């Protein structure tokens, strides 16, 4: 992988992208914050959802990204 915050325009196909988005949207959203202890609540105006490596549904995404 070239970096943690890279953008690749065409690695995943449309079906894979749709599956990823659908799976993430089923997860609960929370307010975005900044800082280690979320002490920056109020600076971000967004809802966020996390996916961690080893996730039973989306764990396959991580090896794909690291192989790039």
N, C-alpha and C. Protein backbone atom coordinates (compact mmCIF):
# COMPACT_ATOMS: atom_id res chain seq x y z
N UNK A 1 0.85 -1.18 0.00
CA UNK A 1 0.00 0.00 0.00
C UNK A 1 0.89 1.23 0.00
N UNK A 2 0.51 2.20 -0.77
CA UNK A 2 1.30 3.41 -0.89
C UNK A 2 1.18 4.32 0.32
N UNK A 3 0.16 4.20 1.09
CA UNK A 3 -0.06 5.02 2.28
C UNK A 3 -1.44 4.76 2.84
N UNK A 4 -1.66 5.15 4.07
CA UNK A 4 -2.95 4.89 4.69
C UNK A 4 -4.07 5.73 4.10
N UNK A 5 -3.77 6.86 3.53
CA UNK A 5 -4.81 7.76 3.03
C UNK A 5 -4.71 7.91 1.53
N UNK A 6 -4.56 6.80 0.83
CA UNK A 6 -4.46 6.83 -0.63
C UNK A 6 -5.84 6.73 -1.27
N UNK A 7 -5.89 7.14 -2.49
CA UNK A 7 -7.12 7.07 -3.28
C UNK A 7 -6.82 6.26 -4.53
N UNK A 8 -7.55 5.19 -4.74
CA UNK A 8 -7.40 4.38 -5.93
C UNK A 8 -8.73 4.39 -6.66
N UNK A 9 -8.69 4.79 -7.91
CA UNK A 9 -9.92 5.03 -8.65
C UNK A 9 -10.63 3.75 -9.11
N UNK A 10 -9.91 2.67 -9.33
CA UNK A 10 -10.59 1.55 -9.98
C UNK A 10 -10.21 0.16 -9.47
N UNK A 11 -9.85 0.01 -8.22
CA UNK A 11 -9.49 -1.33 -7.75
C UNK A 11 -10.72 -2.21 -7.53
N UNK A 12 -11.72 -1.70 -6.83
CA UNK A 12 -12.93 -2.48 -6.56
C UNK A 12 -13.95 -2.23 -7.66
N UNK A 13 -14.69 -3.29 -8.02
CA UNK A 13 -15.73 -3.10 -9.03
C UNK A 13 -16.99 -2.52 -8.39
N UNK A 14 -17.97 -2.18 -9.21
CA UNK A 14 -19.18 -1.52 -8.70
C UNK A 14 -19.91 -2.38 -7.68
N UNK A 15 -20.01 -3.68 -7.93
CA UNK A 15 -20.71 -4.57 -6.99
C UNK A 15 -20.00 -4.59 -5.64
N UNK A 16 -18.68 -4.68 -5.65
CA UNK A 16 -17.93 -4.67 -4.39
C UNK A 16 -18.12 -3.35 -3.65
N UNK A 17 -18.07 -2.24 -4.37
CA UNK A 17 -18.27 -0.92 -3.75
C UNK A 17 -19.67 -0.82 -3.13
N UNK A 18 -20.67 -1.26 -3.88
CA UNK A 18 -22.04 -1.23 -3.35
C UNK A 18 -22.17 -2.09 -2.11
N UNK A 19 -21.54 -3.27 -2.11
CA UNK A 19 -21.58 -4.16 -0.94
C UNK A 19 -20.92 -3.52 0.27
N UNK A 20 -19.79 -2.86 0.07
CA UNK A 20 -19.09 -2.19 1.16
C UNK A 20 -19.95 -1.07 1.74
N UNK A 21 -20.51 -0.24 0.87
CA UNK A 21 -21.33 0.89 1.33
C UNK A 21 -22.57 0.37 2.07
N UNK A 22 -23.24 -0.63 1.54
CA UNK A 22 -24.43 -1.17 2.19
C UNK A 22 -24.10 -1.73 3.57
N UNK A 23 -22.99 -2.47 3.67
CA UNK A 23 -22.59 -3.04 4.96
C UNK A 23 -22.28 -1.95 5.98
N UNK A 24 -21.61 -0.91 5.54
CA UNK A 24 -21.25 0.18 6.46
C UNK A 24 -22.49 0.96 6.90
N UNK A 25 -23.42 1.18 6.00
CA UNK A 25 -24.61 1.93 6.36
C UNK A 25 -25.51 1.19 7.34
N UNK A 26 -25.35 -0.12 7.48
CA UNK A 26 -26.11 -0.88 8.48
C UNK A 26 -25.54 -0.70 9.88
N UNK A 27 -24.38 -0.13 9.99
CA UNK A 27 -23.73 0.07 11.29
C UNK A 27 -24.17 1.39 11.90
N UNK A 28 -24.15 1.47 13.22
CA UNK A 28 -24.57 2.72 13.86
C UNK A 28 -23.56 3.84 13.59
N UNK A 29 -24.08 5.02 13.32
CA UNK A 29 -23.24 6.20 13.12
C UNK A 29 -23.04 6.90 14.45
N UNK A 30 -21.93 7.63 14.53
CA UNK A 30 -21.70 8.46 15.72
C UNK A 30 -21.11 9.78 15.28
N UNK A 31 -21.17 10.75 16.16
CA UNK A 31 -20.63 12.07 15.85
C UNK A 31 -19.12 11.98 15.68
N UNK A 32 -18.62 12.63 14.65
CA UNK A 32 -17.19 12.70 14.45
C UNK A 32 -16.56 13.63 15.48
N UNK A 33 -15.35 13.33 15.88
CA UNK A 33 -14.63 14.16 16.85
C UNK A 33 -13.15 14.16 16.48
N UNK A 34 -12.41 15.03 17.09
CA UNK A 34 -10.97 15.07 16.90
C UNK A 34 -10.30 14.85 18.24
N UNK A 35 -9.05 14.45 18.22
CA UNK A 35 -8.32 14.24 19.46
C UNK A 35 -8.37 12.80 19.92
N UNK A 36 -7.46 12.45 20.76
CA UNK A 36 -7.34 11.08 21.24
C UNK A 36 -8.52 10.68 22.11
N UNK A 37 -8.99 11.57 22.94
CA UNK A 37 -10.09 11.27 23.86
C UNK A 37 -11.41 11.87 23.41
N UNK A 38 -11.53 12.10 22.11
CA UNK A 38 -12.73 12.74 21.55
C UNK A 38 -13.00 14.09 22.19
N UNK A 39 -11.93 14.77 22.61
CA UNK A 39 -12.10 16.07 23.24
C UNK A 39 -12.40 17.17 22.24
N UNK A 40 -12.39 16.84 20.96
CA UNK A 40 -12.67 17.83 19.94
C UNK A 40 -14.08 17.74 19.40
N UNK A 41 -15.01 17.24 20.19
CA UNK A 41 -16.41 17.18 19.74
C UNK A 41 -16.86 18.60 19.45
N UNK A 42 -17.52 18.78 18.33
CA UNK A 42 -17.98 20.11 17.95
C UNK A 42 -17.14 20.71 16.83
N UNK A 43 -15.92 20.23 16.65
CA UNK A 43 -15.09 20.73 15.56
C UNK A 43 -15.46 20.08 14.23
N UNK A 44 -15.83 18.82 14.31
CA UNK A 44 -16.26 18.11 13.10
C UNK A 44 -17.76 18.13 13.03
N UNK A 45 -18.29 18.25 11.83
CA UNK A 45 -19.74 18.21 11.63
C UNK A 45 -20.05 17.05 10.70
N UNK A 46 -19.83 15.84 11.20
CA UNK A 46 -20.05 14.67 10.38
C UNK A 46 -20.44 13.47 11.24
N UNK A 47 -21.07 12.54 10.61
CA UNK A 47 -21.38 11.25 11.21
C UNK A 47 -20.35 10.26 10.67
N UNK A 48 -19.82 9.41 11.53
CA UNK A 48 -18.79 8.46 11.10
C UNK A 48 -19.17 7.04 11.47
N UNK A 49 -18.60 6.09 10.74
CA UNK A 49 -18.75 4.67 11.01
C UNK A 49 -17.37 4.05 10.80
N UNK A 50 -17.00 3.11 11.65
CA UNK A 50 -15.69 2.48 11.55
C UNK A 50 -15.80 1.02 11.12
N UNK A 51 -14.79 0.57 10.40
CA UNK A 51 -14.61 -0.84 10.08
C UNK A 51 -13.19 -1.18 10.49
N UNK A 52 -13.03 -2.19 11.32
CA UNK A 52 -11.71 -2.59 11.78
C UNK A 52 -11.26 -3.85 11.07
N UNK A 53 -9.96 -4.02 10.97
CA UNK A 53 -9.40 -5.25 10.42
C UNK A 53 -9.93 -6.42 11.24
N UNK A 54 -10.23 -7.52 10.60
CA UNK A 54 -10.78 -8.67 11.30
C UNK A 54 -12.29 -8.65 11.39
N UNK A 55 -12.92 -7.61 10.86
CA UNK A 55 -14.37 -7.52 10.86
C UNK A 55 -14.94 -8.73 10.11
N UNK A 56 -15.93 -9.42 10.68
CA UNK A 56 -16.44 -10.63 10.04
C UNK A 56 -17.06 -10.40 8.66
N UNK A 57 -17.62 -9.23 8.45
CA UNK A 57 -18.29 -8.96 7.18
C UNK A 57 -17.38 -8.26 6.17
N UNK A 58 -16.53 -7.37 6.63
CA UNK A 58 -15.72 -6.56 5.72
C UNK A 58 -14.21 -6.74 5.90
N UNK A 59 -13.82 -7.75 6.63
CA UNK A 59 -12.39 -7.99 6.85
C UNK A 59 -11.62 -8.22 5.56
N UNK A 60 -12.29 -8.69 4.52
CA UNK A 60 -11.64 -8.95 3.24
C UNK A 60 -11.12 -7.68 2.57
N UNK A 61 -11.65 -6.53 2.95
CA UNK A 61 -11.24 -5.26 2.33
C UNK A 61 -9.79 -4.92 2.68
N UNK A 62 -9.38 -5.20 3.90
CA UNK A 62 -8.04 -4.79 4.37
C UNK A 62 -6.92 -5.46 3.59
N UNK A 63 -6.91 -6.79 3.40
CA UNK A 63 -5.84 -7.38 2.61
C UNK A 63 -5.82 -6.87 1.17
N UNK A 64 -7.02 -6.60 0.65
CA UNK A 64 -7.09 -6.04 -0.71
C UNK A 64 -6.38 -4.69 -0.79
N UNK A 65 -6.65 -3.82 0.18
CA UNK A 65 -6.03 -2.50 0.17
C UNK A 65 -4.53 -2.58 0.41
N UNK A 66 -4.10 -3.43 1.32
CA UNK A 66 -2.67 -3.53 1.62
C UNK A 66 -1.90 -4.16 0.47
N UNK A 67 -2.58 -4.87 -0.42
CA UNK A 67 -1.87 -5.48 -1.56
C UNK A 67 -1.61 -4.48 -2.68
N UNK A 68 -2.18 -3.32 -2.58
CA UNK A 68 -2.01 -2.32 -3.66
C UNK A 68 -0.64 -1.66 -3.60
